[in-house]
Amino acid sequence: QVRLVESGGGSVQTGGSLRLSCAVSGRFGSAYCIGWFRQVPEKEREGVAITNNFGQISYADSVKGRFTISRDDAKKILYLQMNDLKPEDTAMYYCAAISPCVGGTTDDTLRVGMYSMDYWGEGTQVTISS
């Protein structure tokens, strides 16, 4: 059984930084995608950053150049480094995984994975004040 546990959320001012962590327990199939989604109330969940077992990465256009997804395979932790944060980044951030990737790609998983990911964490709140 796979379990994902997020941490690292909080409140910072515009321009600040946060690093989210997702501790992974259990095992996926050999081909998988794992990454971050976010959601604000009354809006659809959206993909933020996805990586796969090959290390390929896809980012949402709104976070390119500001967010970096990475992982420590030895510790089984996925990270999301978030820099130059903006009020519009305020959301609940979720770690999620699927095996295999949607459409076999990180791009497709980013775009439509919110409808089909196999595993979800409970989320961590990020709040950016102006």
C-alpha atoms as a PDB file:
ATOM      1  CA  GLN A   1       0.000   0.000   0.000  1.00  0.00           C
ATOM      2  CA  VAL A   2       1.398   3.397  -1.017  1.00  0.00           C
ATOM      3  CA  ARG A   3       1.129   6.291   1.387  1.00  0.00           C
ATOM      4  CA  LEU A   4       2.031   9.909   0.661  1.00  0.00           C
ATOM      5  CA  VAL A   5       2.482  12.453   3.453  1.00  0.00           C
ATOM      6  CA  GLU A   6       3.071  16.120   2.665  1.00  0.00           C
ATOM      7  CA  SER A   7       4.729  18.694   4.897  1.00  0.00           C
ATOM      8  CA  GLY A   8       6.328  22.118   4.635  1.00  0.00           C
ATOM      9  CA  GLY A   9       3.366  24.335   3.928  1.00  0.00           C
ATOM     10  CA  GLY A  10       2.893  27.639   5.681  1.00  0.00           C
ATOM     11  CA  SER A  11       2.351  31.365   5.303  1.00  0.00           C
ATOM     12  CA  VAL A  12       4.897  33.664   3.681  1.00  0.00           C
ATOM     13  CA  GLN A  13       4.877  37.047   2.038  1.00  0.00           C
ATOM     14  CA  THR A  14       5.017  37.710  -1.672  1.00  0.00           C
ATOM     15  CA  GLY A  15       8.472  36.968  -3.011  1.00  0.00           C
ATOM     16  CA  GLY A  16       9.233  34.446  -0.295  1.00  0.00           C
ATOM     17  CA  SER A  17      10.113  30.787  -0.577  1.00  0.00           C
ATOM     18  CA  LEU A  18       8.866  27.479   0.774  1.00  0.00           C
ATOM     19  CA  ARG A  19       9.922  23.892   0.285  1.00  0.00           C
ATOM     20  CA  LEU A  20       7.289  21.204   0.346  1.00  0.00           C
ATOM     21  CA  SER A  21       8.144  17.590   1.088  1.00  0.00           C
ATOM     22  CA  CYS A  22       6.265  14.398   0.308  1.00  0.00           C
ATOM     23  CA  ALA A  23       7.343  11.295   2.203  1.00  0.00           C
ATOM     24  CA  VAL A  24       6.583   8.142   0.237  1.00  0.00           C
ATOM     25  CA  SER A  25       6.021   4.707   1.726  1.00  0.00           C
ATOM     26  CA  GLY A  26       5.221   1.583  -0.247  1.00  0.00           C
ATOM     27  CA  ARG A  27       6.199   0.837  -3.834  1.00  0.00           C
ATOM     28  CA  PHE A  28       4.917   1.822  -7.251  1.00  0.00           C
ATOM     29  CA  GLY A  29       5.143  -0.089 -10.474  1.00  0.00           C
ATOM     30  CA  SER A  30       8.414   0.261 -12.384  1.00  0.00           C
ATOM     31  CA  ALA A  31       6.926   3.008 -14.586  1.00  0.00           C
ATOM     32  CA  TYR A  32       5.319   5.816 -12.625  1.00  0.00           C
ATOM     33  CA  CYS A  33       4.684   9.511 -12.338  1.00  0.00           C
ATOM     34  CA  ILE A  34       4.719  11.426  -9.085  1.00  0.00           C
ATOM     35  CA  GLY A  35       4.272  15.095  -8.433  1.00  0.00           C
ATOM     36  CA  TRP A  36       2.319  18.014  -7.097  1.00  0.00           C
ATOM     37  CA  PHE A  37      -1.166  19.360  -7.661  1.00  0.00           C
ATOM     38  CA  ARG A  38      -2.875  22.315  -6.033  1.00  0.00           C
ATOM     39  CA  GLN A  39      -6.408  23.441  -5.430  1.00  0.00           C
ATOM     40  CA  VAL A  40      -8.221  26.504  -4.166  1.00  0.00           C
ATOM     41  CA  PRO A  41     -11.828  26.388  -2.983  1.00  0.00           C
ATOM     42  CA  GLU A  42     -14.416  26.250  -5.755  1.00  0.00           C
ATOM     43  CA  LYS A  43     -11.773  25.722  -8.430  1.00  0.00           C
ATOM     44  CA  GLU A  44     -10.577  22.582 -10.140  1.00  0.00           C
ATOM     45  CA  ARG A  45      -7.415  20.910  -8.927  1.00  0.00           C
ATOM     46  CA  GLU A  46      -4.485  21.696 -11.242  1.00  0.00           C
ATOM     47  CA  GLY A  47      -1.161  20.109 -11.964  1.00  0.00           C
ATOM     48  CA  VAL A  48       1.910  21.998 -10.737  1.00  0.00           C
ATOM     49  CA  ALA A  49       4.913  19.738 -11.391  1.00  0.00           C
ATOM     50  CA  ILE A  50       5.320  16.093 -12.321  1.00  0.00           C
ATOM     51  CA  THR A  51       8.345  13.809 -12.597  1.00  0.00           C
ATOM     52  CA  ASN A  52       8.635  10.185 -13.634  1.00  0.00           C
ATOM     53  CA  ASN A  53      10.877   7.193 -13.048  1.00  0.00           C
ATOM     54  CA  PHE A  54      13.183   8.417 -15.837  1.00  0.00           C
ATOM     55  CA  GLY A  55      13.599  11.810 -14.221  1.00  0.00           C
ATOM     56  CA  GLN A  56      11.620  13.660 -16.896  1.00  0.00           C
ATOM     57  CA  ILE A  57       9.790  16.711 -15.588  1.00  0.00           C
ATOM     58  CA  SER A  58       6.814  18.816 -16.599  1.00  0.00           C
ATOM     59  CA  TYR A  59       5.797  22.113 -15.022  1.00  0.00           C
ATOM     60  CA  ALA A  60       2.680  24.213 -15.250  1.00  0.00           C
ATOM     61  CA  ASP A  61       3.385  27.401 -17.212  1.00  0.00           C
ATOM     62  CA  SER A  62       2.427  29.488 -14.181  1.00  0.00           C
ATOM     63  CA  VAL A  63       5.292  28.079 -12.083  1.00  0.00           C
ATOM     64  CA  LYS A  64       8.072  27.622 -14.644  1.00  0.00           C
ATOM     65  CA  GLY A  65      11.253  29.314 -13.529  1.00  0.00           C
ATOM     66  CA  ARG A  66      10.011  29.649  -9.944  1.00  0.00           C
ATOM     67  CA  PHE A  67       9.269  26.090  -8.776  1.00  0.00           C
ATOM     68  CA  THR A  68      11.583  23.078  -8.875  1.00  0.00           C
ATOM     69  CA  ILE A  69      10.580  19.475  -8.326  1.00  0.00           C
ATOM     70  CA  SER A  70      13.213  17.059  -7.095  1.00  0.00           C
ATOM     71  CA  ARG A  71      13.501  13.866  -5.167  1.00  0.00           C
ATOM     72  CA  ASP A  72      15.760  11.952  -2.862  1.00  0.00           C
ATOM     73  CA  ASP A  73      15.283   8.320  -3.861  1.00  0.00           C
ATOM     74  CA  ALA A  74      17.326   7.007  -0.939  1.00  0.00           C
ATOM     75  CA  LYS A  75      15.069   8.789   1.551  1.00  0.00           C
ATOM     76  CA  LYS A  76      11.957   8.326  -0.614  1.00  0.00           C
ATOM     77  CA  ILE A  77      11.060  11.999  -0.404  1.00  0.00           C
ATOM     78  CA  LEU A  78       9.722  14.214  -3.165  1.00  0.00           C
ATOM     79  CA  TYR A  79      10.312  17.953  -2.900  1.00  0.00           C
ATOM     80  CA  LEU A  80       8.835  21.086  -4.375  1.00  0.00           C
ATOM     81  CA  GLN A  81      11.038  24.144  -3.970  1.00  0.00           C
ATOM     82  CA  MET A  82       8.888  27.216  -4.462  1.00  0.00           C
ATOM     83  CA  ASN A  83      10.593  30.583  -4.952  1.00  0.00           C
ATOM     84  CA  ASP A  84       9.308  34.061  -5.762  1.00  0.00           C
ATOM     85  CA  LEU A  85       5.909  33.101  -4.406  1.00  0.00           C
ATOM     86  CA  LYS A  86       2.865  35.097  -5.441  1.00  0.00           C
ATOM     87  CA  PRO A  87      -0.598  35.470  -3.876  1.00  0.00           C
ATOM     88  CA  GLU A  88      -2.017  33.384  -6.722  1.00  0.00           C
ATOM     89  CA  ASP A  89       0.106  30.459  -5.523  1.00  0.00           C
ATOM     90  CA  THR A  90      -2.081  30.279  -2.419  1.00  0.00           C
ATOM     91  CA  ALA A  91      -3.679  26.827  -2.401  1.00  0.00           C
ATOM     92  CA  MET A  92      -3.764  23.431  -0.809  1.00  0.00           C
ATOM     93  CA  TYR A  93      -0.886  21.466  -2.309  1.00  0.00           C
ATOM     94  CA  TYR A  94      -1.215  17.710  -2.798  1.00  0.00           C
ATOM     95  CA  CYS A  95       1.356  15.059  -3.555  1.00  0.00           C
ATOM     96  CA  ALA A  96       0.056  12.355  -5.892  1.00  0.00           C
ATOM     97  CA  ALA A  97       1.309   9.343  -7.815  1.00  0.00           C
ATOM     98  CA  ILE A  98       0.168   7.027 -10.592  1.00  0.00           C
ATOM     99  CA  SER A  99       1.576   3.931 -12.231  1.00  0.00           C
ATOM    100  CA  PRO A 100       1.935   4.035 -15.168  1.00  0.00           C
ATOM    101  CA  CYS A 101       1.818   7.716 -16.081  1.00  0.00           C
ATOM    102  CA  VAL A 102      -1.285   9.102 -17.755  1.00  0.00           C
ATOM    103  CA  GLY A 103      -0.749   8.649 -21.477  1.00  0.00           C
ATOM    104  CA  GLY A 104       2.742   7.451 -20.614  1.00  0.00           C
ATOM    105  CA  THR A 105       4.016  11.035 -20.253  1.00  0.00           C
ATOM    106  CA  THR A 106       4.621  13.632 -17.578  1.00  0.00           C
ATOM    107  CA  ASP A 107       2.867  16.237 -19.759  1.00  0.00           C
ATOM    108  CA  ASP A 108      -0.390  14.289 -19.873  1.00  0.00           C
ATOM    109  CA  THR A 109      -0.160  13.452 -16.182  1.00  0.00           C
ATOM    110  CA  LEU A 110       0.280  17.148 -15.390  1.00  0.00           C
ATOM    111  CA  ARG A 111      -2.618  18.127 -17.608  1.00  0.00           C
ATOM    112  CA  VAL A 112      -5.246  15.554 -16.645  1.00  0.00           C
ATOM    113  CA  GLY A 113      -3.794  13.545 -13.768  1.00  0.00           C
ATOM    114  CA  MET A 114      -6.082  15.269 -11.268  1.00  0.00           C
ATOM    115  CA  TYR A 115      -8.844  12.967 -12.542  1.00  0.00           C
ATOM    116  CA  SER A 116      -6.989   9.679 -12.292  1.00  0.00           C
ATOM    117  CA  MET A 117      -4.007   9.599  -9.941  1.00  0.00           C
ATOM    118  CA  ASP A 118      -3.831   6.364  -7.971  1.00  0.00           C
ATOM    119  CA  TYR A 119      -2.559   7.813  -4.708  1.00  0.00           C
ATOM    120  CA  TRP A 120      -3.032  11.162  -2.977  1.00  0.00           C
ATOM    121  CA  GLY A 121      -1.690  12.732   0.168  1.00  0.00           C
ATOM    122  CA  GLU A 122      -3.907  14.777   2.447  1.00  0.00           C
ATOM    123  CA  GLY A 123      -2.392  18.073   1.393  1.00  0.00           C
ATOM    124  CA  THR A 124      -0.488  20.946   2.938  1.00  0.00           C
ATOM    125  CA  GLN A 125      -1.725  24.551   2.895  1.00  0.00           C
ATOM    126  CA  VAL A 126       0.353  27.298   1.312  1.00  0.00           C
ATOM    127  CA  THR A 127      -0.725  30.889   1.896  1.00  0.00           C
ATOM    128  CA  ILE A 128       0.991  33.872   0.298  1.00  0.00           C
ATOM    129  CA  SER A 129       0.193  37.338   1.564  1.00  0.00           C
ATOM    130  CA  SER A 130       0.746  40.514  -0.439  1.00  0.00           C
END
